[in-house]
Amino acid sequence: MDMEWRAGFGTVSSQHVALIQLAIQERVFLLDLCAHAISHHSTTVNFIRALLSDKNVLKL
């Protein structure tokens, strides 16, 4: 798992994650969190929260 943020270019405010790269076995998934359909879909948001809070998931 890897995450990317939008470039802030001097902003002081906290930035939201823009993209999550998720590798599972032989597949890679890119979750574009800037896309309205993903960021406002409650099942997807709950999945991401559960994934990030799981201590057994390696996060780079």
PDB file of N, CA and C in Angstrom:
ATOM      1  N   MET A   1       0.841  -1.157   0.000  1.00  0.00           N
ATOM      2  CA  MET A   1       0.000   0.000   0.000  1.00  0.00           C
ATOM      3  C   MET A   1       0.890   1.225   0.000  1.00  0.00           C
ATOM      4  N   ASP A   2       0.514   2.188  -0.807  1.00  0.00           N
ATOM      5  CA  ASP A   2       1.229   3.453  -0.892  1.00  0.00           C
ATOM      6  C   ASP A   2       0.187   4.540  -1.110  1.00  0.00           C
ATOM      7  N   MET A   3       0.482   5.747  -0.663  1.00  0.00           N
ATOM      8  CA  MET A   3      -0.457   6.853  -0.830  1.00  0.00           C
ATOM      9  C   MET A   3       0.250   8.049  -1.427  1.00  0.00           C
ATOM     10  N   GLU A   4      -0.501   8.815  -2.179  1.00  0.00           N
ATOM     11  CA  GLU A   4       0.015  10.031  -2.803  1.00  0.00           C
ATOM     12  C   GLU A   4      -0.896  11.195  -2.432  1.00  0.00           C
ATOM     13  N   TRP A   5      -0.297  12.365  -2.323  1.00  0.00           N
ATOM     14  CA  TRP A   5      -1.039  13.585  -2.041  1.00  0.00           C
ATOM     15  C   TRP A   5      -0.870  14.545  -3.201  1.00  0.00           C
ATOM     16  N   ARG A   6      -1.832  15.443  -3.373  1.00  0.00           N
ATOM     17  CA  ARG A   6      -1.671  16.507  -4.370  1.00  0.00           C
ATOM     18  C   ARG A   6      -0.548  17.423  -3.902  1.00  0.00           C
ATOM     19  N   ALA A   7       0.155  17.974  -4.854  1.00  0.00           N
ATOM     20  CA  ALA A   7       1.225  18.914  -4.516  1.00  0.00           C
ATOM     21  C   ALA A   7       0.616  20.144  -3.856  1.00  0.00           C
ATOM     22  N   GLY A   8       1.191  20.556  -2.730  1.00  0.00           N
ATOM     23  CA  GLY A   8       0.654  21.684  -1.985  1.00  0.00           C
ATOM     24  C   GLY A   8       1.251  23.012  -2.385  1.00  0.00           C
ATOM     25  N   PHE A   9       2.490  22.998  -2.865  1.00  0.00           N
ATOM     26  CA  PHE A   9       3.200  24.202  -3.297  1.00  0.00           C
ATOM     27  C   PHE A   9       3.051  25.351  -2.311  1.00  0.00           C
ATOM     28  N   GLY A  10       3.533  25.136  -1.096  1.00  0.00           N
ATOM     29  CA  GLY A  10       3.587  26.204  -0.110  1.00  0.00           C
ATOM     30  C   GLY A  10       2.378  26.322   0.792  1.00  0.00           C
ATOM     31  N   THR A  11       1.389  25.467   0.639  1.00  0.00           N
ATOM     32  CA  THR A  11       0.232  25.557   1.525  1.00  0.00           C
ATOM     33  C   THR A  11       0.590  24.989   2.891  1.00  0.00           C
ATOM     34  N   VAL A  12       0.014  25.557   3.910  1.00  0.00           N
ATOM     35  CA  VAL A  12       0.288  25.130   5.273  1.00  0.00           C
ATOM     36  C   VAL A  12      -0.784  24.153   5.760  1.00  0.00           C
ATOM     37  N   SER A  13      -1.960  24.207   5.174  1.00  0.00           N
ATOM     38  CA  SER A  13      -3.059  23.359   5.634  1.00  0.00           C
ATOM     39  C   SER A  13      -2.772  21.891   5.353  1.00  0.00           C
ATOM     40  N   SER A  14      -3.445  21.030   6.107  1.00  0.00           N
ATOM     41  CA  SER A  14      -3.256  19.593   5.909  1.00  0.00           C
ATOM     42  C   SER A  14      -3.845  19.170   4.572  1.00  0.00           C
ATOM     43  N   GLN A  15      -3.185  18.240   3.935  1.00  0.00           N
ATOM     44  CA  GLN A  15      -3.615  17.754   2.627  1.00  0.00           C
ATOM     45  C   GLN A  15      -4.321  16.418   2.786  1.00  0.00           C
ATOM     46  N   HIS A  16      -5.329  16.182   1.972  1.00  0.00           N
ATOM     47  CA  HIS A  16      -6.025  14.902   1.956  1.00  0.00           C
ATOM     48  C   HIS A  16      -5.329  13.967   0.981  1.00  0.00           C
ATOM     49  N   VAL A  17      -5.394  12.685   1.247  1.00  0.00           N
ATOM     50  CA  VAL A  17      -4.817  11.689   0.339  1.00  0.00           C
ATOM     51  C   VAL A  17      -5.554  11.768  -0.988  1.00  0.00           C
ATOM     52  N   ALA A  18      -4.805  11.794  -2.088  1.00  0.00           N
ATOM     53  CA  ALA A  18      -5.403  11.886  -3.420  1.00  0.00           C
ATOM     54  C   ALA A  18      -5.507  10.523  -4.097  1.00  0.00           C
ATOM     55  N   LEU A  19      -4.549   9.629  -3.819  1.00  0.00           N
ATOM     56  CA  LEU A  19      -4.503   8.345  -4.508  1.00  0.00           C
ATOM     57  C   LEU A  19      -3.965   7.273  -3.565  1.00  0.00           C
ATOM     58  N   ILE A  20      -4.618   6.123  -3.544  1.00  0.00           N
ATOM     59  CA  ILE A  20      -4.110   4.965  -2.807  1.00  0.00           C
ATOM     60  C   ILE A  20      -3.745   3.901  -3.825  1.00  0.00           C
ATOM     61  N   GLN A  21      -2.503   3.407  -3.725  1.00  0.00           N
ATOM     62  CA  GLN A  21      -2.042   2.305  -4.571  1.00  0.00           C
ATOM     63  C   GLN A  21      -2.040   1.061  -3.689  1.00  0.00           C
ATOM     64  N   LEU A  22      -2.823   0.081  -4.087  1.00  0.00           N
ATOM     65  CA  LEU A  22      -3.008  -1.111  -3.271  1.00  0.00           C
ATOM     66  C   LEU A  22      -2.595  -2.332  -4.077  1.00  0.00           C
ATOM     67  N   ALA A  23      -1.575  -3.064  -3.591  1.00  0.00           N
ATOM     68  CA  ALA A  23      -1.092  -4.270  -4.273  1.00  0.00           C
ATOM     69  C   ALA A  23      -1.514  -5.490  -3.465  1.00  0.00           C
ATOM     70  N   ILE A  24      -2.206  -6.406  -4.130  1.00  0.00           N
ATOM     71  CA  ILE A  24      -2.665  -7.647  -3.505  1.00  0.00           C
ATOM     72  C   ILE A  24      -2.265  -8.794  -4.414  1.00  0.00           C
ATOM     73  N   GLN A  25      -1.375  -9.636  -3.926  1.00  0.00           N
ATOM     74  CA  GLN A  25      -0.839 -10.761  -4.685  1.00  0.00           C
ATOM     75  C   GLN A  25      -0.313 -10.271  -6.037  1.00  0.00           C
ATOM     76  N   GLU A  26      -0.935 -10.643  -7.126  1.00  0.00           N
ATOM     77  CA  GLU A  26      -0.433 -10.259  -8.452  1.00  0.00           C
ATOM     78  C   GLU A  26      -1.252  -9.141  -9.089  1.00  0.00           C
ATOM     79  N   ARG A  27      -1.977  -8.393  -8.304  1.00  0.00           N
ATOM     80  CA  ARG A  27      -2.817  -7.316  -8.837  1.00  0.00           C
ATOM     81  C   ARG A  27      -2.502  -6.008  -8.115  1.00  0.00           C
ATOM     82  N   VAL A  28      -2.695  -4.916  -8.838  1.00  0.00           N
ATOM     83  CA  VAL A  28      -2.516  -3.584  -8.272  1.00  0.00           C
ATOM     84  C   VAL A  28      -3.782  -2.784  -8.548  1.00  0.00           C
ATOM     85  N   PHE A  29      -4.256  -2.090  -7.520  1.00  0.00           N
ATOM     86  CA  PHE A  29      -5.450  -1.262  -7.653  1.00  0.00           C
ATOM     87  C   PHE A  29      -5.078   0.176  -7.331  1.00  0.00           C
ATOM     88  N   LEU A  30      -5.605   1.108  -8.095  1.00  0.00           N
ATOM     89  CA  LEU A  30      -5.417   2.529  -7.846  1.00  0.00           C
ATOM     90  C   LEU A  30      -6.768   3.112  -7.461  1.00  0.00           C
ATOM     91  N   LEU A  31      -6.850   3.682  -6.280  1.00  0.00           N
ATOM     92  CA  LEU A  31      -8.089   4.302  -5.816  1.00  0.00           C
ATOM     93  C   LEU A  31      -7.915   5.815  -5.863  1.00  0.00           C
ATOM     94  N   ASP A  32      -8.588   6.452  -6.790  1.00  0.00           N
ATOM     95  CA  ASP A  32      -8.516   7.900  -6.967  1.00  0.00           C
ATOM     96  C   ASP A  32      -9.496   8.551  -6.003  1.00  0.00           C
ATOM     97  N   LEU A  33      -8.995   9.021  -4.877  1.00  0.00           N
ATOM     98  CA  LEU A  33      -9.860   9.579  -3.850  1.00  0.00           C
ATOM     99  C   LEU A  33     -10.350  10.977  -4.194  1.00  0.00           C
ATOM    100  N   CYS A  34      -9.812  11.569  -5.241  1.00  0.00           N
ATOM    101  CA  CYS A  34     -10.307  12.866  -5.698  1.00  0.00           C
ATOM    102  C   CYS A  34     -11.583  12.702  -6.519  1.00  0.00           C
ATOM    103  N   ALA A  35     -11.828  11.491  -6.993  1.00  0.00           N
ATOM    104  CA  ALA A  35     -13.038  11.224  -7.780  1.00  0.00           C
ATOM    105  C   ALA A  35     -14.249  11.260  -6.853  1.00  0.00           C
ATOM    106  N   HIS A  36     -15.226  12.026  -7.215  1.00  0.00           N
ATOM    107  CA  HIS A  36     -16.426  12.204  -6.386  1.00  0.00           C
ATOM    108  C   HIS A  36     -17.115  10.870  -6.097  1.00  0.00           C
ATOM    109  N   ALA A  37     -17.165   9.985  -7.076  1.00  0.00           N
ATOM    110  CA  ALA A  37     -17.865   8.705  -6.919  1.00  0.00           C
ATOM    111  C   ALA A  37     -17.240   7.845  -5.825  1.00  0.00           C
ATOM    112  N   ILE A  38     -15.935   7.937  -5.650  1.00  0.00           N
ATOM    113  CA  ILE A  38     -15.263   7.127  -4.623  1.00  0.00           C
ATOM    114  C   ILE A  38     -15.311   7.817  -3.264  1.00  0.00           C
ATOM    115  N   SER A  39     -14.989   9.088  -3.223  1.00  0.00           N
ATOM    116  CA  SER A  39     -14.879   9.783  -1.938  1.00  0.00           C
ATOM    117  C   SER A  39     -16.222   9.975  -1.241  1.00  0.00           C
ATOM    118  N   HIS A  40     -17.331   9.832  -1.969  1.00  0.00           N
ATOM    119  CA  HIS A  40     -18.654   9.991  -1.363  1.00  0.00           C
ATOM    120  C   HIS A  40     -19.432   8.677  -1.302  1.00  0.00           C
ATOM    121  N   HIS A  41     -18.760   7.556  -1.521  1.00  0.00           N
ATOM    122  CA  HIS A  41     -19.402   6.245  -1.479  1.00  0.00           C
ATOM    123  C   HIS A  41     -19.099   5.639  -0.115  1.00  0.00           C
ATOM    124  N   SER A  42     -20.099   5.501   0.743  1.00  0.00           N
ATOM    125  CA  SER A  42     -19.865   5.113   2.140  1.00  0.00           C
ATOM    126  C   SER A  42     -19.210   3.737   2.286  1.00  0.00           C
ATOM    127  N   THR A  43     -19.553   2.782   1.431  1.00  0.00           N
ATOM    128  CA  THR A  43     -18.941   1.454   1.522  1.00  0.00           C
ATOM    129  C   THR A  43     -17.450   1.525   1.226  1.00  0.00           C
ATOM    130  N   THR A  44     -17.077   2.315   0.235  1.00  0.00           N
ATOM    131  CA  THR A  44     -15.661   2.477  -0.116  1.00  0.00           C
ATOM    132  C   THR A  44     -14.913   3.174   1.010  1.00  0.00           C
ATOM    133  N   VAL A  45     -15.489   4.219   1.556  1.00  0.00           N
ATOM    134  CA  VAL A  45     -14.856   4.953   2.657  1.00  0.00           C
ATOM    135  C   VAL A  45     -14.677   4.034   3.867  1.00  0.00           C
ATOM    136  N   ASN A  46     -15.679   3.235   4.195  1.00  0.00           N
ATOM    137  CA  ASN A  46     -15.569   2.299   5.324  1.00  0.00           C
ATOM    138  C   ASN A  46     -14.505   1.238   5.074  1.00  0.00           C
ATOM    139  N   PHE A  47     -14.398   0.749   3.830  1.00  0.00           N
ATOM    140  CA  PHE A  47     -13.363  -0.224   3.471  1.00  0.00           C
ATOM    141  C   PHE A  47     -11.975   0.376   3.675  1.00  0.00           C
ATOM    142  N   ILE A  48     -11.777   1.592   3.210  1.00  0.00           N
ATOM    143  CA  ILE A  48     -10.471   2.249   3.335  1.00  0.00           C
ATOM    144  C   ILE A  48     -10.126   2.461   4.808  1.00  0.00           C
ATOM    145  N   ARG A  49     -11.084   2.890   5.599  1.00  0.00           N
ATOM    146  CA  ARG A  49     -10.843   3.073   7.044  1.00  0.00           C
ATOM    147  C   ARG A  49     -10.441   1.760   7.709  1.00  0.00           C
ATOM    148  N   ALA A  50     -11.161   0.690   7.387  1.00  0.00           N
ATOM    149  CA  ALA A  50     -10.845  -0.623   7.967  1.00  0.00           C
ATOM    150  C   ALA A  50      -9.463  -1.087   7.530  1.00  0.00           C
ATOM    151  N   LEU A  51      -9.136  -0.872   6.272  1.00  0.00           N
ATOM    152  CA  LEU A  51      -7.842  -1.268   5.730  1.00  0.00           C
ATOM    153  C   LEU A  51      -6.708  -0.514   6.418  1.00  0.00           C
ATOM    154  N   LEU A  52      -6.870   0.781   6.592  1.00  0.00           N
ATOM    155  CA  LEU A  52      -5.821   1.593   7.202  1.00  0.00           C
ATOM    156  C   LEU A  52      -5.656   1.317   8.691  1.00  0.00           C
ATOM    157  N   SER A  53      -6.701   0.889   9.352  1.00  0.00           N
ATOM    158  CA  SER A  53      -6.596   0.627  10.788  1.00  0.00           C
ATOM    159  C   SER A  53      -6.138  -0.796  11.101  1.00  0.00           C
ATOM    160  N   ASP A  54      -6.064  -1.655  10.091  1.00  0.00           N
ATOM    161  CA  ASP A  54      -5.643  -3.044  10.289  1.00  0.00           C
ATOM    162  C   ASP A  54      -4.126  -3.099  10.466  1.00  0.00           C
ATOM    163  N   LYS A  55      -3.668  -3.542  11.611  1.00  0.00           N
ATOM    164  CA  LYS A  55      -2.234  -3.605  11.899  1.00  0.00           C
ATOM    165  C   LYS A  55      -1.523  -4.697  11.110  1.00  0.00           C
ATOM    166  N   ASN A  56      -2.266  -5.623  10.518  1.00  0.00           N
ATOM    167  CA  ASN A  56      -1.671  -6.706   9.729  1.00  0.00           C
ATOM    168  C   ASN A  56      -1.405  -6.315   8.284  1.00  0.00           C
ATOM    169  N   VAL A  57      -1.835  -5.127   7.878  1.00  0.00           N
ATOM    170  CA  VAL A  57      -1.625  -4.660   6.508  1.00  0.00           C
ATOM    171  C   VAL A  57      -0.372  -3.798   6.482  1.00  0.00           C
ATOM    172  N   LEU A  58       0.592  -4.169   5.618  1.00  0.00           N
ATOM    173  CA  LEU A  58       1.829  -3.404   5.477  1.00  0.00           C
ATOM    174  C   LEU A  58       1.536  -2.117   4.729  1.00  0.00           C
ATOM    175  N   LYS A  59       1.921  -1.010   5.330  1.00  0.00           N
ATOM    176  CA  LYS A  59       1.703   0.301   4.721  1.00  0.00           C
ATOM    177  C   LYS A  59       3.062   0.952   4.509  1.00  0.00           C
ATOM    178  N   LEU A  60       3.388   1.262   3.267  1.00  0.00           N
ATOM    179  CA  LEU A  60       4.685   1.871   2.952  1.00  0.00           C
ATOM    180  C   LEU A  60       4.559   3.365   2.782  1.00  0.00           C
TER     181      LEU A  60
END
